[in-house]
mmCIF file of all heavy atoms, coordinates in Angstrom:
data_MODEL
# 
_entry.id   MODEL 
# 
loop_
_atom_site.group_PDB 
_atom_site.id 
_atom_site.type_symbol 
_atom_site.label_atom_id 
_atom_site.label_alt_id 
_atom_site.label_comp_id 
_atom_site.label_asym_id 
_atom_site.label_entity_id 
_atom_site.label_seq_id 
_atom_site.pdbx_PDB_ins_code 
_atom_site.Cartn_x 
_atom_site.Cartn_y 
_atom_site.Cartn_z 
_atom_site.occupancy 
_atom_site.B_iso_or_equiv 
_atom_site.pdbx_formal_charge 
_atom_site.auth_seq_id 
_atom_site.auth_comp_id 
_atom_site.auth_asym_id 
_atom_site.auth_atom_id 
_atom_site.pdbx_PDB_model_num 
ATOM 1   N N   . LEU A 1 1  ? -4.814  -78.370 13.957  1.00 0.00 ? 1  LEU A N   1 
ATOM 2   C CA  . LEU A 1 1  ? -5.214  -76.965 13.907  1.00 0.00 ? 1  LEU A CA  1 
ATOM 3   C C   . LEU A 1 1  ? -5.541  -76.472 15.315  1.00 0.00 ? 1  LEU A C   1 
ATOM 4   O O   . LEU A 1 1  ? -6.089  -77.225 16.123  1.00 0.00 ? 1  LEU A O   1 
ATOM 5   C CB  . LEU A 1 1  ? -6.451  -76.802 13.019  1.00 0.00 ? 1  LEU A CB  1 
ATOM 6   C CG  . LEU A 1 1  ? -6.242  -77.107 11.538  1.00 0.00 ? 1  LEU A CG  1 
ATOM 7   C CD1 . LEU A 1 1  ? -7.576  -77.077 10.805  1.00 0.00 ? 1  LEU A CD1 1 
ATOM 8   C CD2 . LEU A 1 1  ? -5.263  -76.114 10.923  1.00 0.00 ? 1  LEU A CD2 1 
ATOM 9   N N   . PRO A 1 2  ? -5.209  -75.229 15.622  1.00 0.00 ? 2  PRO A N   1 
ATOM 10  C CA  . PRO A 1 2  ? -5.584  -74.684 16.925  1.00 0.00 ? 2  PRO A CA  1 
ATOM 11  C C   . PRO A 1 2  ? -7.111  -74.701 17.072  1.00 0.00 ? 2  PRO A C   1 
ATOM 12  O O   . PRO A 1 2  ? -7.832  -74.366 16.123  1.00 0.00 ? 2  PRO A O   1 
ATOM 13  C CB  . PRO A 1 2  ? -5.058  -73.250 16.890  1.00 0.00 ? 2  PRO A CB  1 
ATOM 14  C CG  . PRO A 1 2  ? -4.023  -73.232 15.821  1.00 0.00 ? 2  PRO A CG  1 
ATOM 15  C CD  . PRO A 1 2  ? -4.446  -74.260 14.826  1.00 0.00 ? 2  PRO A CD  1 
ATOM 16  N N   . PRO A 1 3  ? -7.609  -75.090 18.221  1.00 0.00 ? 3  PRO A N   1 
ATOM 17  C CA  . PRO A 1 3  ? -9.069  -75.070 18.431  1.00 0.00 ? 3  PRO A CA  1 
ATOM 18  C C   . PRO A 1 3  ? -9.633  -73.674 18.182  1.00 0.00 ? 3  PRO A C   1 
ATOM 19  O O   . PRO A 1 3  ? -9.043  -72.676 18.595  1.00 0.00 ? 3  PRO A O   1 
ATOM 20  C CB  . PRO A 1 3  ? -9.220  -75.470 19.895  1.00 0.00 ? 3  PRO A CB  1 
ATOM 21  C CG  . PRO A 1 3  ? -7.948  -76.183 20.244  1.00 0.00 ? 3  PRO A CG  1 
ATOM 22  C CD  . PRO A 1 3  ? -6.878  -75.555 19.398  1.00 0.00 ? 3  PRO A CD  1 
ATOM 23  N N   . GLY A 1 4  ? -10.742 -73.634 17.489  1.00 0.00 ? 4  GLY A N   1 
ATOM 24  C CA  . GLY A 1 4  ? -11.402 -72.364 17.234  1.00 0.00 ? 4  GLY A CA  1 
ATOM 25  C C   . GLY A 1 4  ? -10.928 -71.625 15.999  1.00 0.00 ? 4  GLY A C   1 
ATOM 26  O O   . GLY A 1 4  ? -11.433 -70.541 15.712  1.00 0.00 ? 4  GLY A O   1 
ATOM 27  N N   . LEU A 1 5  ? -9.956  -72.178 15.267  1.00 0.00 ? 5  LEU A N   1 
ATOM 28  C CA  . LEU A 1 5  ? -9.474  -71.513 14.050  1.00 0.00 ? 5  LEU A CA  1 
ATOM 29  C C   . LEU A 1 5  ? -10.096 -72.181 12.830  1.00 0.00 ? 5  LEU A C   1 
ATOM 30  O O   . LEU A 1 5  ? -9.739  -73.308 12.482  1.00 0.00 ? 5  LEU A O   1 
ATOM 31  C CB  . LEU A 1 5  ? -7.949  -71.585 13.951  1.00 0.00 ? 5  LEU A CB  1 
ATOM 32  C CG  . LEU A 1 5  ? -7.352  -70.994 12.666  1.00 0.00 ? 5  LEU A CG  1 
ATOM 33  C CD1 . LEU A 1 5  ? -7.635  -69.497 12.581  1.00 0.00 ? 5  LEU A CD1 1 
ATOM 34  C CD2 . LEU A 1 5  ? -5.861  -71.273 12.595  1.00 0.00 ? 5  LEU A CD2 1 
ATOM 35  N N   . PRO A 1 6  ? -11.032 -71.510 12.158  1.00 0.00 ? 6  PRO A N   1 
ATOM 36  C CA  . PRO A 1 6  ? -11.604 -72.100 10.950  1.00 0.00 ? 6  PRO A CA  1 
ATOM 37  C C   . PRO A 1 6  ? -10.598 -72.034 9.792   1.00 0.00 ? 6  PRO A C   1 
ATOM 38  O O   . PRO A 1 6  ? -10.024 -70.975 9.525   1.00 0.00 ? 6  PRO A O   1 
ATOM 39  C CB  . PRO A 1 6  ? -12.829 -71.242 10.660  1.00 0.00 ? 6  PRO A CB  1 
ATOM 40  C CG  . PRO A 1 6  ? -12.848 -70.140 11.642  1.00 0.00 ? 6  PRO A CG  1 
ATOM 41  C CD  . PRO A 1 6  ? -11.669 -70.270 12.541  1.00 0.00 ? 6  PRO A CD  1 
ATOM 42  N N   . VAL A 1 7  ? -10.388 -73.170 9.158   1.00 0.00 ? 7  VAL A N   1 
ATOM 43  C CA  . VAL A 1 7  ? -9.483  -73.252 8.014   1.00 0.00 ? 7  VAL A CA  1 
ATOM 44  C C   . VAL A 1 7  ? -10.261 -73.860 6.855   1.00 0.00 ? 7  VAL A C   1 
ATOM 45  O O   . VAL A 1 7  ? -10.891 -74.906 6.998   1.00 0.00 ? 7  VAL A O   1 
ATOM 46  C CB  . VAL A 1 7  ? -8.227  -74.096 8.345   1.00 0.00 ? 7  VAL A CB  1 
ATOM 47  C CG1 . VAL A 1 7  ? -7.376  -74.314 7.108   1.00 0.00 ? 7  VAL A CG1 1 
ATOM 48  C CG2 . VAL A 1 7  ? -7.414  -73.412 9.430   1.00 0.00 ? 7  VAL A CG2 1 
ATOM 49  N N   . PHE A 1 8  ? -10.210 -73.179 5.706   1.00 0.00 ? 8  PHE A N   1 
ATOM 50  C CA  . PHE A 1 8  ? -10.891 -73.618 4.499   1.00 0.00 ? 8  PHE A CA  1 
ATOM 51  C C   . PHE A 1 8  ? -9.842  -73.909 3.432   1.00 0.00 ? 8  PHE A C   1 
ATOM 52  O O   . PHE A 1 8  ? -9.048  -73.042 3.096   1.00 0.00 ? 8  PHE A O   1 
ATOM 53  C CB  . PHE A 1 8  ? -11.844 -72.527 3.987   1.00 0.00 ? 8  PHE A CB  1 
ATOM 54  C CG  . PHE A 1 8  ? -12.914 -72.176 4.984   1.00 0.00 ? 8  PHE A CG  1 
ATOM 55  C CD1 . PHE A 1 8  ? -12.669 -71.260 5.994   1.00 0.00 ? 8  PHE A CD1 1 
ATOM 56  C CD2 . PHE A 1 8  ? -14.154 -72.774 4.915   1.00 0.00 ? 8  PHE A CD2 1 
ATOM 57  C CE1 . PHE A 1 8  ? -13.650 -70.937 6.925   1.00 0.00 ? 8  PHE A CE1 1 
ATOM 58  C CE2 . PHE A 1 8  ? -15.145 -72.466 5.837   1.00 0.00 ? 8  PHE A CE2 1 
ATOM 59  C CZ  . PHE A 1 8  ? -14.892 -71.542 6.846   1.00 0.00 ? 8  PHE A CZ  1 
ATOM 60  N N   . LEU A 1 9  ? -9.837  -75.127 2.929   1.00 0.00 ? 9  LEU A N   1 
ATOM 61  C CA  . LEU A 1 9  ? -8.906  -75.527 1.877   1.00 0.00 ? 9  LEU A CA  1 
ATOM 62  C C   . LEU A 1 9  ? -9.688  -75.729 0.588   1.00 0.00 ? 9  LEU A C   1 
ATOM 63  O O   . LEU A 1 9  ? -10.617 -76.543 0.531   1.00 0.00 ? 9  LEU A O   1 
ATOM 64  C CB  . LEU A 1 9  ? -8.189  -76.816 2.271   1.00 0.00 ? 9  LEU A CB  1 
ATOM 65  C CG  . LEU A 1 9  ? -7.200  -76.674 3.420   1.00 0.00 ? 9  LEU A CG  1 
ATOM 66  C CD1 . LEU A 1 9  ? -7.034  -77.982 4.163   1.00 0.00 ? 9  LEU A CD1 1 
ATOM 67  C CD2 . LEU A 1 9  ? -5.870  -76.189 2.892   1.00 0.00 ? 9  LEU A CD2 1 
ATOM 68  N N   . HIS A 1 10 ? -9.322  -74.991 -0.444  1.00 0.00 ? 10 HIS A N   1 
ATOM 69  C CA  . HIS A 1 10 ? -9.967  -75.083 -1.754  1.00 0.00 ? 10 HIS A CA  1 
ATOM 70  C C   . HIS A 1 10 ? -8.951  -75.587 -2.773  1.00 0.00 ? 10 HIS A C   1 
ATOM 71  O O   . HIS A 1 10 ? -7.782  -75.212 -2.733  1.00 0.00 ? 10 HIS A O   1 
ATOM 72  C CB  . HIS A 1 10 ? -10.442 -73.704 -2.221  1.00 0.00 ? 10 HIS A CB  1 
ATOM 73  C CG  . HIS A 1 10 ? -11.574 -73.150 -1.423  1.00 0.00 ? 10 HIS A CG  1 
ATOM 74  N ND1 . HIS A 1 10 ? -12.867 -73.204 -1.850  1.00 0.00 ? 10 HIS A ND1 1 
ATOM 75  C CD2 . HIS A 1 10 ? -11.592 -72.526 -0.213  1.00 0.00 ? 10 HIS A CD2 1 
ATOM 76  C CE1 . HIS A 1 10 ? -13.651 -72.629 -0.952  1.00 0.00 ? 10 HIS A CE1 1 
ATOM 77  N NE2 . HIS A 1 10 ? -12.905 -72.204 0.050   1.00 0.00 ? 10 HIS A NE2 1 
ATOM 78  N N   . HIS A 1 11 ? -9.440  -76.436 -3.691  1.00 0.00 ? 11 HIS A N   1 
ATOM 79  C CA  . HIS A 1 11 ? -8.571  -76.909 -4.768  1.00 0.00 ? 11 HIS A CA  1 
ATOM 80  C C   . HIS A 1 11 ? -9.429  -77.261 -5.975  1.00 0.00 ? 11 HIS A C   1 
ATOM 81  O O   . HIS A 1 11 ? -10.542 -77.767 -5.820  1.00 0.00 ? 11 HIS A O   1 
ATOM 82  C CB  . HIS A 1 11 ? -7.773  -78.140 -4.323  1.00 0.00 ? 11 HIS A CB  1 
ATOM 83  C CG  . HIS A 1 11 ? -6.501  -78.315 -5.083  1.00 0.00 ? 11 HIS A CG  1 
ATOM 84  N ND1 . HIS A 1 11 ? -5.283  -78.213 -4.483  1.00 0.00 ? 11 HIS A ND1 1 
ATOM 85  C CD2 . HIS A 1 11 ? -6.255  -78.578 -6.380  1.00 0.00 ? 11 HIS A CD2 1 
ATOM 86  C CE1 . HIS A 1 11 ? -4.331  -78.422 -5.380  1.00 0.00 ? 11 HIS A CE1 1 
ATOM 87  N NE2 . HIS A 1 11 ? -4.913  -78.635 -6.553  1.00 0.00 ? 11 HIS A NE2 1 
ATOM 88  N N   . CYS A 1 12 ? -8.901  -76.997 -7.156  1.00 0.00 ? 12 CYS A N   1 
ATOM 89  C CA  . CYS A 1 12 ? -9.616  -77.269 -8.402  1.00 0.00 ? 12 CYS A CA  1 
ATOM 90  C C   . CYS A 1 12 ? -9.042  -78.519 -9.065  1.00 0.00 ? 12 CYS A C   1 
ATOM 91  O O   . CYS A 1 12 ? -7.825  -78.680 -9.157  1.00 0.00 ? 12 CYS A O   1 
ATOM 92  C CB  . CYS A 1 12 ? -9.483  -76.089 -9.359  1.00 0.00 ? 12 CYS A CB  1 
ATOM 93  S SG  . CYS A 1 12 ? -10.196 -74.579 -8.700  1.00 0.00 ? 12 CYS A SG  1 
ATOM 94  N N   . ARG A 1 13 ? -9.942  -79.358 -9.522  1.00 0.00 ? 13 ARG A N   1 
ATOM 95  C CA  . ARG A 1 13 ? -9.544  -80.606 -10.169 1.00 0.00 ? 13 ARG A CA  1 
ATOM 96  C C   . ARG A 1 13 ? -8.670  -80.354 -11.402 1.00 0.00 ? 13 ARG A C   1 
ATOM 97  O O   . ARG A 1 13 ? -7.786  -81.126 -11.717 1.00 0.00 ? 13 ARG A O   1 
ATOM 98  C CB  . ARG A 1 13 ? -10.800 -81.399 -10.557 1.00 0.00 ? 13 ARG A CB  1 
ATOM 99  C CG  . ARG A 1 13 ? -10.537 -82.823 -10.944 1.00 0.00 ? 13 ARG A CG  1 
ATOM 100 C CD  . ARG A 1 13 ? -11.816 -83.613 -11.130 1.00 0.00 ? 13 ARG A CD  1 
ATOM 101 N NE  . ARG A 1 13 ? -12.647 -83.673 -9.934  1.00 0.00 ? 13 ARG A NE  1 
ATOM 102 C CZ  . ARG A 1 13 ? -12.449 -84.519 -8.905  1.00 0.00 ? 13 ARG A CZ  1 
ATOM 103 N NH1 . ARG A 1 13 ? -11.441 -85.359 -8.924  1.00 0.00 ? 13 ARG A NH1 1 
ATOM 104 N NH2 . ARG A 1 13 ? -13.264 -84.513 -7.870  1.00 0.00 ? 13 ARG A NH2 1 
ATOM 105 N N   . ASP A 1 14 ? -8.877  -79.232 -12.080 1.00 0.00 ? 14 ASP A N   1 
ATOM 106 C CA  . ASP A 1 14 ? -8.108  -78.958 -13.301 1.00 0.00 ? 14 ASP A CA  1 
ATOM 107 C C   . ASP A 1 14 ? -6.842  -78.135 -13.046 1.00 0.00 ? 14 ASP A C   1 
ATOM 108 O O   . ASP A 1 14 ? -6.258  -77.588 -13.982 1.00 0.00 ? 14 ASP A O   1 
ATOM 109 C CB  . ASP A 1 14 ? -8.992  -78.290 -14.350 1.00 0.00 ? 14 ASP A CB  1 
ATOM 110 C CG  . ASP A 1 14 ? -9.466  -76.893 -13.951 1.00 0.00 ? 14 ASP A CG  1 
ATOM 111 O OD1 . ASP A 1 14 ? -9.351  -76.525 -12.762 1.00 0.00 ? 14 ASP A OD1 1 
ATOM 112 O OD2 . ASP A 1 14 ? -9.980  -76.181 -14.832 1.00 0.00 ? 14 ASP A OD2 1 
ATOM 113 N N   . ASP A 1 15 ? -6.386  -78.062 -11.798 1.00 0.00 ? 15 ASP A N   1 
ATOM 114 C CA  . ASP A 1 15 ? -5.145  -77.348 -11.485 1.00 0.00 ? 15 ASP A CA  1 
ATOM 115 C C   . ASP A 1 15 ? -4.002  -77.999 -12.250 1.00 0.00 ? 15 ASP A C   1 
ATOM 116 O O   . ASP A 1 15 ? -3.768  -79.197 -12.129 1.00 0.00 ? 15 ASP A O   1 
ATOM 117 C CB  . ASP A 1 15 ? -4.883  -77.401 -9.975  1.00 0.00 ? 15 ASP A CB  1 
ATOM 118 C CG  . ASP A 1 15 ? -3.720  -76.524 -9.547  1.00 0.00 ? 15 ASP A CG  1 
ATOM 119 O OD1 . ASP A 1 15 ? -2.651  -76.583 -10.185 1.00 0.00 ? 15 ASP A OD1 1 
ATOM 120 O OD2 . ASP A 1 15 ? -3.869  -75.799 -8.556  1.00 0.00 ? 15 ASP A OD2 1 
ATOM 121 N N   . GLY A 1 16 ? -3.277  -77.208 -13.004 1.00 0.00 ? 16 GLY A N   1 
ATOM 122 C CA  . GLY A 1 16 ? -2.175  -77.721 -13.808 1.00 0.00 ? 16 GLY A CA  1 
ATOM 123 C C   . GLY A 1 16 ? -0.834  -77.720 -13.099 1.00 0.00 ? 16 GLY A C   1 
ATOM 124 O O   . GLY A 1 16 ? 0.169   -78.123 -13.677 1.00 0.00 ? 16 GLY A O   1 
ATOM 125 N N   . THR A 1 17 ? -0.790  -77.277 -11.849 1.00 0.00 ? 17 THR A N   1 
ATOM 126 C CA  . THR A 1 17 ? 0.478   -77.193 -11.125 1.00 0.00 ? 17 THR A CA  1 
ATOM 127 C C   . THR A 1 17 ? 0.497   -78.090 -9.897  1.00 0.00 ? 17 THR A C   1 
ATOM 128 O O   . THR A 1 17 ? 1.382   -78.925 -9.757  1.00 0.00 ? 17 THR A O   1 
ATOM 129 C CB  . THR A 1 17 ? 0.755   -75.733 -10.707 1.00 0.00 ? 17 THR A CB  1 
ATOM 130 O OG1 . THR A 1 17 ? 0.737   -74.906 -11.877 1.00 0.00 ? 17 THR A OG1 1 
ATOM 131 C CG2 . THR A 1 17 ? 2.098   -75.609 -10.024 1.00 0.00 ? 17 THR A CG2 1 
ATOM 132 N N   . VAL A 1 18 ? -0.448  -77.906 -9.000  1.00 0.00 ? 18 VAL A N   1 
ATOM 133 C CA  . VAL A 1 18 ? -0.498  -78.694 -7.768  1.00 0.00 ? 18 VAL A CA  1 
ATOM 134 C C   . VAL A 1 18 ? -1.481  -79.850 -7.978  1.00 0.00 ? 18 VAL A C   1 
ATOM 135 O O   . VAL A 1 18 ? -2.648  -79.613 -8.280  1.00 0.00 ? 18 VAL A O   1 
ATOM 136 C CB  . VAL A 1 18 ? -0.952  -77.829 -6.569  1.00 0.00 ? 18 VAL A CB  1 
ATOM 137 C CG1 . VAL A 1 18 ? -1.053  -78.671 -5.304  1.00 0.00 ? 18 VAL A CG1 1 
ATOM 138 C CG2 . VAL A 1 18 ? 0.006   -76.662 -6.364  1.00 0.00 ? 18 VAL A CG2 1 
ATOM 139 N N   . PRO A 1 19 ? -1.015  -81.085 -7.847  1.00 0.00 ? 19 PRO A N   1 
ATOM 140 C CA  . PRO A 1 19 ? -1.909  -82.228 -8.052  1.00 0.00 ? 19 PRO A CA  1 
ATOM 141 C C   . PRO A 1 19 ? -3.125  -82.169 -7.123  1.00 0.00 ? 19 PRO A C   1 
ATOM 142 O O   . PRO A 1 19 ? -3.014  -81.847 -5.943  1.00 0.00 ? 19 PRO A O   1 
ATOM 143 C CB  . PRO A 1 19 ? -1.037  -83.439 -7.737  1.00 0.00 ? 19 PRO A CB  1 
ATOM 144 C CG  . PRO A 1 19 ? 0.366   -82.970 -7.988  1.00 0.00 ? 19 PRO A CG  1 
ATOM 145 C CD  . PRO A 1 19 ? 0.365   -81.516 -7.570  1.00 0.00 ? 19 PRO A CD  1 
ATOM 146 N N   . PHE A 1 20 ? -4.272  -82.472 -7.683  1.00 0.00 ? 20 PHE A N   1 
ATOM 147 C CA  . PHE A 1 20 ? -5.533  -82.427 -6.957  1.00 0.00 ? 20 PHE A CA  1 
ATOM 148 C C   . PHE A 1 20 ? -5.501  -83.346 -5.731  1.00 0.00 ? 20 PHE A C   1 
ATOM 149 O O   . PHE A 1 20 ? -6.123  -83.058 -4.713  1.00 0.00 ? 20 PHE A O   1 
ATOM 150 C CB  . PHE A 1 20 ? -6.672  -82.822 -7.901  1.00 0.00 ? 20 PHE A CB  1 
ATOM 151 C CG  . PHE A 1 20 ? -8.040  -82.639 -7.331  1.00 0.00 ? 20 PHE A CG  1 
ATOM 152 C CD1 . PHE A 1 20 ? -8.553  -81.378 -7.066  1.00 0.00 ? 20 PHE A CD1 1 
ATOM 153 C CD2 . PHE A 1 20 ? -8.841  -83.733 -7.058  1.00 0.00 ? 20 PHE A CD2 1 
ATOM 154 C CE1 . PHE A 1 20 ? -9.825  -81.209 -6.549  1.00 0.00 ? 20 PHE A CE1 1 
ATOM 155 C CE2 . PHE A 1 20 ? -10.115 -83.582 -6.540  1.00 0.00 ? 20 PHE A CE2 1 
ATOM 156 C CZ  . PHE A 1 20 ? -10.608 -82.309 -6.286  1.00 0.00 ? 20 PHE A CZ  1 
ATOM 157 N N   . GLU A 1 21 ? -4.758  -84.437 -5.790  1.00 0.00 ? 21 GLU A N   1 
ATOM 158 C CA  . GLU A 1 21 ? -4.684  -85.405 -4.701  1.00 0.00 ? 21 GLU A CA  1 
ATOM 159 C C   . GLU A 1 21 ? -4.044  -84.827 -3.447  1.00 0.00 ? 21 GLU A C   1 
ATOM 160 O O   . GLU A 1 21 ? -4.186  -85.394 -2.365  1.00 0.00 ? 21 GLU A O   1 
ATOM 161 C CB  . GLU A 1 21 ? -3.904  -86.655 -5.141  1.00 0.00 ? 21 GLU A CB  1 
ATOM 162 C CG  . GLU A 1 21 ? -4.563  -87.435 -6.259  1.00 0.00 ? 21 GLU A CG  1 
ATOM 163 C CD  . GLU A 1 21 ? -4.425  -86.778 -7.631  1.00 0.00 ? 21 GLU A CD  1 
ATOM 164 O OE1 . GLU A 1 21 ? -3.447  -86.028 -7.868  1.00 0.00 ? 21 GLU A OE1 1 
ATOM 165 O OE2 . GLU A 1 21 ? -5.323  -87.001 -8.462  1.00 0.00 ? 21 GLU A OE2 1 
ATOM 166 N N   . HIS A 1 22 ? -3.351  -83.714 -3.569  1.00 0.00 ? 22 HIS A N   1 
ATOM 167 C CA  . HIS A 1 22 ? -2.758  -83.095 -2.377  1.00 0.00 ? 22 HIS A CA  1 
ATOM 168 C C   . HIS A 1 22 ? -3.840  -82.699 -1.385  1.00 0.00 ? 22 HIS A C   1 
ATOM 169 O O   . HIS A 1 22 ? -3.622  -82.721 -0.183  1.00 0.00 ? 22 HIS A O   1 
ATOM 170 C CB  . HIS A 1 22 ? -1.904  -81.894 -2.765  1.00 0.00 ? 22 HIS A CB  1 
ATOM 171 C CG  . HIS A 1 22 ? -0.603  -82.275 -3.381  1.00 0.00 ? 22 HIS A CG  1 
ATOM 172 N ND1 . HIS A 1 22 ? 0.540   -81.517 -3.235  1.00 0.00 ? 22 HIS A ND1 1 
ATOM 173 C CD2 . HIS A 1 22 ? -0.242  -83.323 -4.155  1.00 0.00 ? 22 HIS A CD2 1 
ATOM 174 C CE1 . HIS A 1 22 ? 1.544   -82.088 -3.882  1.00 0.00 ? 22 HIS A CE1 1 
ATOM 175 N NE2 . HIS A 1 22 ? 1.078   -83.188 -4.462  1.00 0.00 ? 22 HIS A NE2 1 
ATOM 176 N N   . LEU A 1 23 ? -5.012  -82.348 -1.901  1.00 0.00 ? 23 LEU A N   1 
ATOM 177 C CA  . LEU A 1 23 ? -6.118  -81.992 -1.022  1.00 0.00 ? 23 LEU A CA  1 
ATOM 178 C C   . LEU A 1 23 ? -6.538  -83.176 -0.155  1.00 0.00 ? 23 LEU A C   1 
ATOM 179 O O   . LEU A 1 23 ? -6.872  -83.007 1.018   1.00 0.00 ? 23 LEU A O   1 
ATOM 180 C CB  . LEU A 1 23 ? -7.304  -81.484 -1.847  1.00 0.00 ? 23 LEU A CB  1 
ATOM 181 C CG  . LEU A 1 23 ? -8.465  -80.870 -1.079  1.00 0.00 ? 23 LEU A CG  1 
ATOM 182 C CD1 . LEU A 1 23 ? -8.017  -79.674 -0.241  1.00 0.00 ? 23 LEU A CD1 1 
ATOM 183 C CD2 . LEU A 1 23 ? -9.568  -80.467 -2.040  1.00 0.00 ? 23 LEU A CD2 1 
ATOM 184 N N   . ASP A 1 24 ? -6.474  -84.392 -0.701  1.00 0.00 ? 24 ASP A N   1 
ATOM 185 C CA  . ASP A 1 24 ? -6.796  -85.592 0.079   1.00 0.00 ? 24 ASP A CA  1 
ATOM 186 C C   . ASP A 1 24 ? -5.826  -85.756 1.251   1.00 0.00 ? 24 ASP A C   1 
ATOM 187 O O   . ASP A 1 24 ? -6.232  -86.151 2.349   1.00 0.00 ? 24 ASP A O   1 
ATOM 188 C CB  . ASP A 1 24 ? -6.741  -86.844 -0.803  1.00 0.00 ? 24 ASP A CB  1 
ATOM 189 C CG  . ASP A 1 24 ? -7.788  -86.829 -1.906  1.00 0.00 ? 24 ASP A CG  1 
ATOM 190 O OD1 . ASP A 1 24 ? -8.849  -86.204 -1.725  1.00 0.00 ? 24 ASP A OD1 1 
ATOM 191 O OD2 . ASP A 1 24 ? -7.525  -87.455 -2.952  1.00 0.00 ? 24 ASP A OD2 1 
# 
């Protein structure tokens, strides 16, 4: 990530489309 750019990644355990493990 570029220095100084805050990035927030959110994911829900019960997501039925994107596997929760992608967040890991």
